[in-house]
Structure formats: structure tokens, C-alpha cells
N, C-alpha and C. Protein backbone atom coordinates (compact mmCIF):
# COMPACT_ATOMS: atom_id res chain seq x y z
N MET A 1 18.46 -18.70 -19.92
CA MET A 1 17.86 -18.43 -18.63
C MET A 1 16.92 -19.57 -18.26
N GLU A 2 17.38 -20.48 -17.49
CA GLU A 2 16.54 -21.59 -17.04
C GLU A 2 15.97 -21.27 -15.68
N THR A 3 14.70 -21.60 -15.48
CA THR A 3 14.10 -21.36 -14.19
C THR A 3 14.19 -22.58 -13.29
N THR A 4 14.63 -23.71 -13.83
CA THR A 4 14.75 -24.91 -13.01
C THR A 4 16.04 -24.89 -12.20
N LYS A 5 17.02 -24.17 -12.65
CA LYS A 5 18.27 -24.05 -11.90
C LYS A 5 18.07 -23.11 -10.73
N GLU A 6 18.86 -23.34 -9.70
CA GLU A 6 18.81 -22.46 -8.54
C GLU A 6 19.53 -21.16 -8.90
N CYS A 7 18.94 -20.04 -8.56
CA CYS A 7 19.57 -18.77 -8.90
C CYS A 7 20.62 -18.42 -7.85
N LYS A 8 21.36 -17.37 -8.11
CA LYS A 8 22.44 -17.00 -7.20
C LYS A 8 21.93 -16.44 -5.87
N HIS A 9 20.62 -16.14 -5.80
CA HIS A 9 20.03 -15.67 -4.55
C HIS A 9 19.47 -16.81 -3.71
N GLY A 10 19.60 -18.04 -4.20
CA GLY A 10 19.20 -19.21 -3.42
C GLY A 10 17.77 -19.67 -3.64
N LEU A 11 17.09 -19.13 -4.62
CA LEU A 11 15.72 -19.55 -4.89
C LEU A 11 15.72 -20.66 -5.92
N LYS A 12 14.95 -21.70 -5.67
CA LYS A 12 14.95 -22.86 -6.58
C LYS A 12 14.32 -22.54 -7.92
N GLN A 13 13.30 -21.71 -7.94
CA GLN A 13 12.64 -21.36 -9.19
C GLN A 13 13.25 -20.13 -9.83
N GLY A 14 14.20 -19.51 -9.18
CA GLY A 14 14.80 -18.30 -9.72
C GLY A 14 14.03 -17.08 -9.27
N CYS A 15 14.68 -15.96 -9.27
CA CYS A 15 14.03 -14.73 -8.81
C CYS A 15 13.92 -13.75 -9.97
N VAL A 16 13.19 -12.68 -9.74
CA VAL A 16 12.98 -11.70 -10.80
C VAL A 16 14.27 -10.99 -11.18
N TYR A 17 15.23 -10.96 -10.29
CA TYR A 17 16.49 -10.30 -10.60
C TYR A 17 17.34 -11.14 -11.55
N CYS A 18 17.32 -12.45 -11.35
CA CYS A 18 18.15 -13.32 -12.19
C CYS A 18 17.43 -13.76 -13.46
N HIS A 19 16.12 -13.93 -13.39
CA HIS A 19 15.40 -14.54 -14.49
C HIS A 19 14.32 -13.65 -15.09
N ALA A 20 14.47 -12.36 -14.92
CA ALA A 20 13.48 -11.43 -15.46
C ALA A 20 13.64 -11.32 -16.96
N ARG A 21 12.53 -11.23 -17.63
CA ARG A 21 12.55 -11.00 -19.07
C ARG A 21 12.37 -9.52 -19.31
N THR A 22 13.32 -8.93 -19.96
CA THR A 22 13.23 -7.50 -20.24
C THR A 22 12.61 -7.31 -21.62
N THR A 23 11.46 -6.66 -21.66
CA THR A 23 10.80 -6.44 -22.93
C THR A 23 11.24 -5.12 -23.56
N THR A 24 11.34 -4.09 -22.75
CA THR A 24 11.80 -2.80 -23.25
C THR A 24 12.79 -2.22 -22.26
N THR A 25 13.76 -1.54 -22.78
CA THR A 25 14.73 -0.87 -21.93
C THR A 25 14.38 0.61 -21.91
N PRO A 26 14.74 1.32 -20.86
CA PRO A 26 14.42 2.76 -20.82
C PRO A 26 15.04 3.53 -21.97
N ALA A 27 16.20 3.10 -22.45
CA ALA A 27 16.85 3.82 -23.55
C ALA A 27 16.14 3.58 -24.87
N ALA A 28 15.52 2.40 -25.03
CA ALA A 28 14.85 2.07 -26.28
C ALA A 28 13.48 2.73 -26.39
N ARG A 29 12.98 3.18 -25.28
CA ARG A 29 11.64 3.78 -25.27
C ARG A 29 11.77 5.29 -25.16
N PRO A 30 11.25 6.04 -26.12
CA PRO A 30 11.36 7.50 -26.04
C PRO A 30 10.50 8.05 -24.91
N ALA A 31 11.03 9.01 -24.21
CA ALA A 31 10.30 9.61 -23.10
C ALA A 31 9.22 10.53 -23.66
N SER A 32 8.00 10.26 -23.31
CA SER A 32 6.91 11.09 -23.82
C SER A 32 6.71 12.28 -22.88
N LYS A 33 6.50 13.43 -23.46
CA LYS A 33 6.33 14.63 -22.66
C LYS A 33 4.90 14.77 -22.18
N ARG A 34 3.95 14.28 -22.97
CA ARG A 34 2.55 14.34 -22.58
C ARG A 34 2.11 12.99 -22.06
N ARG A 35 1.22 13.03 -21.08
CA ARG A 35 0.66 11.80 -20.55
C ARG A 35 -0.48 11.36 -21.45
N SER A 36 -0.68 10.08 -21.49
CA SER A 36 -1.81 9.59 -22.27
C SER A 36 -3.10 9.91 -21.52
N PRO A 37 -4.21 10.04 -22.23
CA PRO A 37 -5.47 10.37 -21.57
C PRO A 37 -5.86 9.33 -20.52
N SER A 38 -5.53 8.06 -20.76
CA SER A 38 -5.91 7.04 -19.80
C SER A 38 -5.16 7.19 -18.49
N SER A 39 -3.87 7.57 -18.55
CA SER A 39 -3.11 7.74 -17.31
C SER A 39 -3.61 8.96 -16.55
N ARG A 40 -3.98 10.00 -17.27
CA ARG A 40 -4.51 11.19 -16.62
C ARG A 40 -5.83 10.88 -15.94
N LEU A 41 -6.68 10.11 -16.62
CA LEU A 41 -7.96 9.74 -16.03
C LEU A 41 -7.78 8.83 -14.83
N SER A 42 -6.83 7.92 -14.90
CA SER A 42 -6.62 7.03 -13.76
C SER A 42 -6.08 7.81 -12.57
N GLU A 43 -5.25 8.81 -12.80
CA GLU A 43 -4.78 9.64 -11.70
C GLU A 43 -5.92 10.42 -11.08
N GLN A 44 -6.80 10.94 -11.91
CA GLN A 44 -7.97 11.65 -11.39
C GLN A 44 -8.84 10.73 -10.55
N MET A 45 -9.04 9.52 -11.02
CA MET A 45 -9.86 8.56 -10.28
C MET A 45 -9.20 8.21 -8.95
N ASN A 46 -7.88 8.03 -8.95
CA ASN A 46 -7.18 7.74 -7.70
C ASN A 46 -7.31 8.89 -6.72
N ASP A 47 -7.20 10.13 -7.21
CA ASP A 47 -7.36 11.29 -6.34
C ASP A 47 -8.77 11.35 -5.75
N ARG A 48 -9.75 11.07 -6.58
CA ARG A 48 -11.14 11.09 -6.10
C ARG A 48 -11.38 10.01 -5.06
N MET A 49 -10.85 8.83 -5.29
CA MET A 49 -11.03 7.74 -4.34
C MET A 49 -10.33 8.04 -3.01
N THR A 50 -9.15 8.65 -3.09
CA THR A 50 -8.44 9.03 -1.87
C THR A 50 -9.24 10.05 -1.08
N THR A 51 -9.80 11.04 -1.77
CA THR A 51 -10.61 12.06 -1.12
C THR A 51 -11.85 11.44 -0.49
N LEU A 52 -12.50 10.54 -1.21
CA LEU A 52 -13.69 9.89 -0.67
C LEU A 52 -13.36 9.06 0.56
N LYS A 53 -12.26 8.35 0.54
CA LYS A 53 -11.86 7.53 1.69
C LYS A 53 -11.57 8.40 2.91
N LYS A 54 -10.93 9.56 2.69
CA LYS A 54 -10.66 10.48 3.80
C LYS A 54 -11.96 11.01 4.38
N ARG A 55 -12.89 11.39 3.52
CA ARG A 55 -14.17 11.90 4.00
C ARG A 55 -14.94 10.83 4.76
N LEU A 56 -14.90 9.60 4.27
CA LEU A 56 -15.59 8.51 4.94
C LEU A 56 -15.00 8.27 6.34
N LYS A 57 -13.67 8.37 6.47
CA LYS A 57 -13.04 8.22 7.77
C LYS A 57 -13.50 9.33 8.71
N GLU A 58 -13.57 10.57 8.19
CA GLU A 58 -14.01 11.70 9.01
C GLU A 58 -15.45 11.51 9.47
N ILE A 59 -16.31 11.04 8.58
CA ILE A 59 -17.72 10.84 8.90
C ILE A 59 -17.87 9.75 9.96
N ARG A 60 -17.12 8.68 9.82
CA ARG A 60 -17.21 7.57 10.76
C ARG A 60 -16.52 7.86 12.08
N GLY A 61 -15.75 8.93 12.11
CA GLY A 61 -15.08 9.32 13.35
C GLY A 61 -13.80 8.56 13.59
N GLY A 62 -13.19 8.10 12.53
CA GLY A 62 -11.96 7.31 12.70
C GLY A 62 -10.82 8.13 12.44
């Protein structure tokens, strides 16, 4: 996989479709049934930030 060659999509440096490095495949990685604590916490933080942004819009009258 050379990045100096033009890929089949016409990009001189190559694109992610032609020159992507695959580190893990979905079949090689077992599907976990439980989420890790960090992903759960990040989802909670995203929900909180979304709620705060909505409230801020309401307060500002936007």
C-alpha cells in the first residue's frame, strides 16, 4: 500500500478507502455486552451538555 501512487478514486495521496490500515476487524473483536465505565460516563456527560445547551438557548430566547 503506497501512498505516493494515485489511488483509484483520483487522489494523489490516496484515500482512506484505498489506503486505510485496518487494525482490528469486527469479527476478530468479541462483542461486549456491557459498556465500559468510561463510555457510560462520556454518554452521561454528553447528555448533560446537550441539556445545558438547550436550557441556555431557552434562557437567551433563541
